[in-house]
Protein backbone atom coordinates (compact mmCIF):
# COMPACT_ATOMS: atom_id res chain seq x y z
CA UNK A 1 0.00 0.00 0.00
CA UNK A 2 1.18 3.51 -0.85
CA UNK A 3 1.96 5.46 2.33
CA UNK A 4 -0.44 8.19 1.15
CA UNK A 5 -3.26 5.62 1.29
CA UNK A 6 -2.44 4.64 4.89
CA UNK A 7 -5.30 5.07 7.33
CA UNK A 8 -8.01 3.19 9.19
CA UNK A 9 -11.67 2.29 8.78
CA UNK A 10 -14.47 3.84 10.83
CA UNK A 11 -18.01 2.55 10.26
CA UNK A 12 -17.02 1.33 6.82
CA UNK A 13 -15.33 4.58 5.81
CA UNK A 14 -11.58 4.68 5.14
CA UNK A 15 -9.97 7.64 6.92
CA UNK A 16 -6.57 8.74 5.61
CA UNK A 17 -3.89 9.62 8.16
CA UNK A 18 -2.81 12.54 5.98
CA UNK A 19 -6.38 13.85 5.96
CA UNK A 20 -6.81 13.37 9.72
CA UNK A 21 -3.49 14.82 10.90
CA UNK A 22 -3.58 17.57 8.29
CA UNK A 23 -7.01 18.68 9.48
CA UNK A 24 -5.94 18.55 13.12
CA UNK A 25 -3.16 20.94 12.15
CA UNK A 26 -5.67 23.09 10.26
CA UNK A 27 -7.96 23.26 13.30
CA UNK A 28 -4.98 24.14 15.46
CA UNK A 29 -4.20 26.95 13.05
CA UNK A 30 -7.60 28.53 13.69
CA UNK A 31 -7.20 28.28 17.46
CA UNK A 32 -3.69 29.75 17.25
CA UNK A 33 -4.94 32.57 15.00
CA UNK A 34 -7.51 33.52 17.64
CA UNK A 35 -4.62 34.04 20.05
CA UNK A 36 -2.49 35.74 17.37
CA UNK A 37 0.28 33.22 18.02
CA UNK A 38 3.23 33.12 15.63
CA UNK A 39 2.86 29.32 15.69
CA UNK A 40 -0.18 29.86 13.46
CA UNK A 41 2.01 29.91 10.38
CA UNK A 42 4.39 26.94 10.80
CA UNK A 43 1.43 24.78 11.86
CA UNK A 44 -0.49 25.95 8.79
CA UNK A 45 2.49 25.11 6.60
CA UNK A 46 2.75 21.57 7.99
CA UNK A 47 -1.01 21.01 7.70
CA UNK A 48 -0.99 22.25 4.11
CA UNK A 49 1.67 19.72 3.12
CA UNK A 50 -0.34 16.84 4.59
CA UNK A 51 -3.63 17.97 3.07
CA UNK A 52 -1.91 18.46 -0.28
CA UNK A 53 -1.01 14.77 -0.20
CA UNK A 54 -4.54 13.80 0.87
CA UNK A 55 -6.11 15.88 -1.91
CA UNK A 56 -3.84 14.45 -4.60
CA UNK A 57 -4.74 10.99 -3.33
CA UNK A 58 -8.46 11.85 -3.61
CA UNK A 59 -7.91 13.35 -7.10
CA UNK A 60 -9.12 16.79 -5.99
CA UNK A 61 -6.54 18.82 -7.85
CA UNK A 62 -8.11 22.19 -7.09
CA UNK A 63 -7.94 21.53 -3.37
CA UNK A 64 -4.36 20.29 -3.73
CA UNK A 65 -3.41 23.54 -5.46
CA UNK A 66 -5.14 25.41 -2.66
CA UNK A 67 -2.96 23.65 -0.10
CA UNK A 68 0.17 24.47 -2.10
CA UNK A 69 -0.93 28.10 -2.14
CA UNK A 70 -1.59 27.93 1.63
CA UNK A 71 1.98 26.80 2.20
CA UNK A 72 3.27 29.83 0.31
CA UNK A 73 0.88 32.19 2.10
CA UNK A 74 2.02 30.74 5.43
CA UNK A 75 5.49 32.06 4.65
CA UNK A 76 3.98 35.48 3.83
CA UNK A 77 1.88 35.43 7.01
CA UNK A 78 4.91 34.60 9.15
CA UNK A 79 6.81 37.52 7.62
CA UNK A 80 3.90 39.97 7.97
CA UNK A 81 3.17 39.08 11.61
CA UNK A 82 6.87 39.18 12.48
CA UNK A 83 7.05 42.70 11.06
CA UNK A 84 3.87 43.68 12.92
CA UNK A 85 5.26 42.50 16.27
CA UNK A 86 8.74 44.03 16.08
CA UNK A 87 10.14 45.67 19.22
CA UNK A 88 7.77 43.68 21.41
CA UNK A 89 4.60 45.22 19.93
CA UNK A 90 1.27 43.41 20.03
CA UNK A 91 -0.16 42.47 16.66
CA UNK A 92 -2.77 45.11 15.83
CA UNK A 93 -5.98 43.76 14.31
CA UNK A 94 -8.28 46.04 12.34
CA UNK A 95 -11.17 46.03 9.87
CA UNK A 96 -10.20 46.18 6.21
CA UNK A 97 -9.94 49.58 4.56
CA UNK A 98 -12.41 50.26 1.75
CA UNK A 99 -9.83 49.37 -0.91
CA UNK A 100 -8.87 46.14 0.85
CA UNK A 101 -12.51 45.10 1.14
CA UNK A 102 -13.14 45.99 -2.49
CA UNK A 103 -10.08 43.96 -3.46
CA UNK A 104 -11.29 40.96 -1.47
CA UNK A 105 -14.73 40.99 -3.07
CA UNK A 106 -13.46 41.76 -6.56
CA UNK A 107 -10.79 39.06 -6.56
CA UNK A 108 -13.22 36.47 -5.16
CA UNK A 109 -15.77 37.19 -7.92
CA UNK A 110 -13.41 37.61 -10.86
CA UNK A 111 -10.91 35.06 -9.57
CA UNK A 112 -13.57 32.37 -9.15
CA UNK A 113 -14.69 32.89 -12.76
CA UNK A 114 -11.15 32.83 -14.20
CA UNK A 115 -9.92 29.92 -12.07
CA UNK A 116 -13.15 28.05 -12.80
CA UNK A 117 -12.53 28.34 -16.54
CA UNK A 118 -8.90 27.26 -16.03
CA UNK A 119 -9.94 24.25 -13.93
CA UNK A 120 -12.56 23.23 -16.51
CA UNK A 121 -10.37 23.63 -19.61
CA UNK A 122 -7.34 21.91 -18.09
CA UNK A 123 -9.31 19.28 -16.19
CA UNK A 124 -7.51 20.20 -12.96
CA UNK A 125 -10.79 20.02 -11.04
CA UNK A 126 -12.39 16.60 -10.69
CA UNK A 127 -15.69 18.29 -11.50
CA UNK A 128 -14.46 18.82 -15.06
CA UNK A 129 -14.83 15.06 -15.60
CA UNK A 130 -18.43 14.97 -14.34
CA UNK A 131 -21.29 15.41 -16.84
CA UNK A 132 -22.94 18.82 -17.08
CA UNK A 133 -24.61 20.64 -15.40
CA UNK A 134 -23.35 19.05 -12.15
CA UNK A 135 -19.78 19.13 -13.40
CA UNK A 136 -19.90 22.89 -13.99
CA UNK A 137 -21.23 23.43 -10.47
CA UNK A 138 -18.46 21.31 -8.94
CA UNK A 139 -15.78 23.14 -10.91
CA UNK A 140 -17.19 26.50 -9.81
CA UNK A 141 -17.28 25.34 -6.18
CA UNK A 142 -13.70 24.09 -6.41
CA UNK A 143 -12.56 27.41 -7.89
CA UNK A 144 -14.51 29.42 -5.31
CA UNK A 145 -12.91 27.55 -2.41
CA UNK A 146 -9.47 27.93 -3.97
CA UNK A 147 -9.77 31.69 -4.49
CA UNK A 148 -11.69 32.37 -1.26
CA UNK A 149 -9.21 30.44 0.85
CA UNK A 150 -6.31 32.32 -0.72
CA UNK A 151 -7.91 35.71 -0.06
CA UNK A 152 -8.84 34.75 3.52
CA UNK A 153 -5.25 33.75 4.25
CA UNK A 154 -3.93 36.94 2.62
CA UNK A 155 -6.28 39.01 4.79
CA UNK A 156 -5.22 37.01 7.86
CA UNK A 157 -1.61 37.89 7.14
CA UNK A 158 -2.61 41.57 7.14
CA UNK A 159 -4.42 41.02 10.50
CA UNK A 160 -7.77 42.08 9.02
CA UNK A 161 -10.86 41.20 11.04
CA UNK A 162 -12.61 40.59 7.72
CA UNK A 163 -10.59 37.43 7.09
CA UNK A 164 -12.91 35.54 9.45
CA UNK A 165 -15.94 36.57 7.35
CA UNK A 166 -14.29 35.32 4.18
CA UNK A 167 -13.69 31.96 5.86
CA UNK A 168 -17.38 31.73 6.76
CA UNK A 169 -18.25 32.20 3.09
CA UNK A 170 -15.73 29.52 2.09
CA UNK A 171 -16.94 27.01 4.70
CA UNK A 172 -20.53 27.27 3.48
CA UNK A 173 -19.37 25.65 0.23
CA UNK A 174 -16.47 23.59 1.59
CA UNK A 175 -18.55 21.42 3.95
CA UNK A 176 -20.84 19.79 1.35
CA UNK A 177 -18.06 19.55 -1.25
CA UNK A 178 -15.71 17.71 1.13
CA UNK A 179 -18.39 15.17 2.11
CA UNK A 180 -19.35 14.55 -1.52
CA UNK A 181 -15.66 14.00 -2.36
CA UNK A 182 -15.21 11.26 0.25
CA UNK A 183 -12.99 13.33 2.57
CA UNK A 184 -15.13 12.68 5.61
CA UNK A 185 -12.67 14.11 8.11
CA UNK A 186 -12.33 17.28 6.03
CA UNK A 187 -16.11 17.61 5.91
CA UNK A 188 -16.49 17.44 9.68
CA UNK A 189 -13.51 19.73 10.19
CA UNK A 190 -15.01 22.31 7.83
CA UNK A 191 -18.13 22.22 10.01
CA UNK A 192 -16.06 22.75 13.17
CA UNK A 193 -14.17 25.49 11.32
CA UNK A 194 -17.44 27.31 10.80
CA UNK A 195 -18.11 27.49 14.54
CA UNK A 196 -14.52 28.44 15.42
CA UNK A 197 -14.41 31.08 12.71
CA UNK A 198 -17.51 32.81 14.08
CA UNK A 199 -15.95 32.78 17.56
CA UNK A 200 -12.68 34.12 16.15
CA UNK A 201 -14.47 36.93 14.35
CA UNK A 202 -16.23 38.04 17.54
CA UNK A 203 -12.97 37.84 19.51
CA UNK A 204 -10.96 39.93 17.04
CA UNK A 205 -13.75 42.47 16.60
CA UNK A 206 -14.03 42.95 20.37
CA UNK A 207 -10.27 43.32 20.62
CA UNK A 208 -10.25 45.97 17.90
CA UNK A 209 -13.10 47.92 19.51
CA UNK A 210 -11.43 47.75 22.94
CA UNK A 211 -8.19 49.09 21.44
CA UNK A 212 -10.12 51.96 19.81
CA UNK A 213 -11.71 52.83 23.17
CA UNK A 214 -8.28 52.85 24.84
CA UNK A 215 -6.97 55.20 22.16
CA UNK A 216 -9.96 57.52 22.57
CA UNK A 217 -9.53 57.59 26.36
CA UNK A 218 -5.80 58.28 25.99
CA UNK A 219 -6.60 61.35 23.92
């Protein structure tokens, strides 16, 4: 057996070790992000490598590319947070500026369309091999998750409160797609992500508002 296929059976479902451990790392990344820990990024990098292997094994090329992109963005996030915490400073979280928010929305809309066409033409998404119209929907969902995840991680690197909202939008599509692809662990983890992301959003928003009050009082 190929090491990438290694796993165990639960109620008749084969669970891959790469999928399980990779998603544990992904969950840990969310919890670490809530605390603004620098460990967020190396854990994300490790989880991305494992989930890349799991996705290739499940023939979900779009998701595999997403994990490769995550690994690169983890390096960016590490650099950005290191710069934001120089001289012992606390990482400052904030809402996105109007141009950052416009960029997030614009790239998600246009990027999903462009990446969707790329996935369909090249066959990189498994949905491209499924008869229409279901195949087109699966390709679009794959592209949406790819682009949305990239933009959420980019916004996280910039310490934008909005990154949590983008993750909510991604999870709403990611949960059913993961289950339908046979990645059971990923499906359940996406569901847990949804809850943690909402909690993270509230936590960061409260922190930002408290910081604004402190600044106003100091004046």
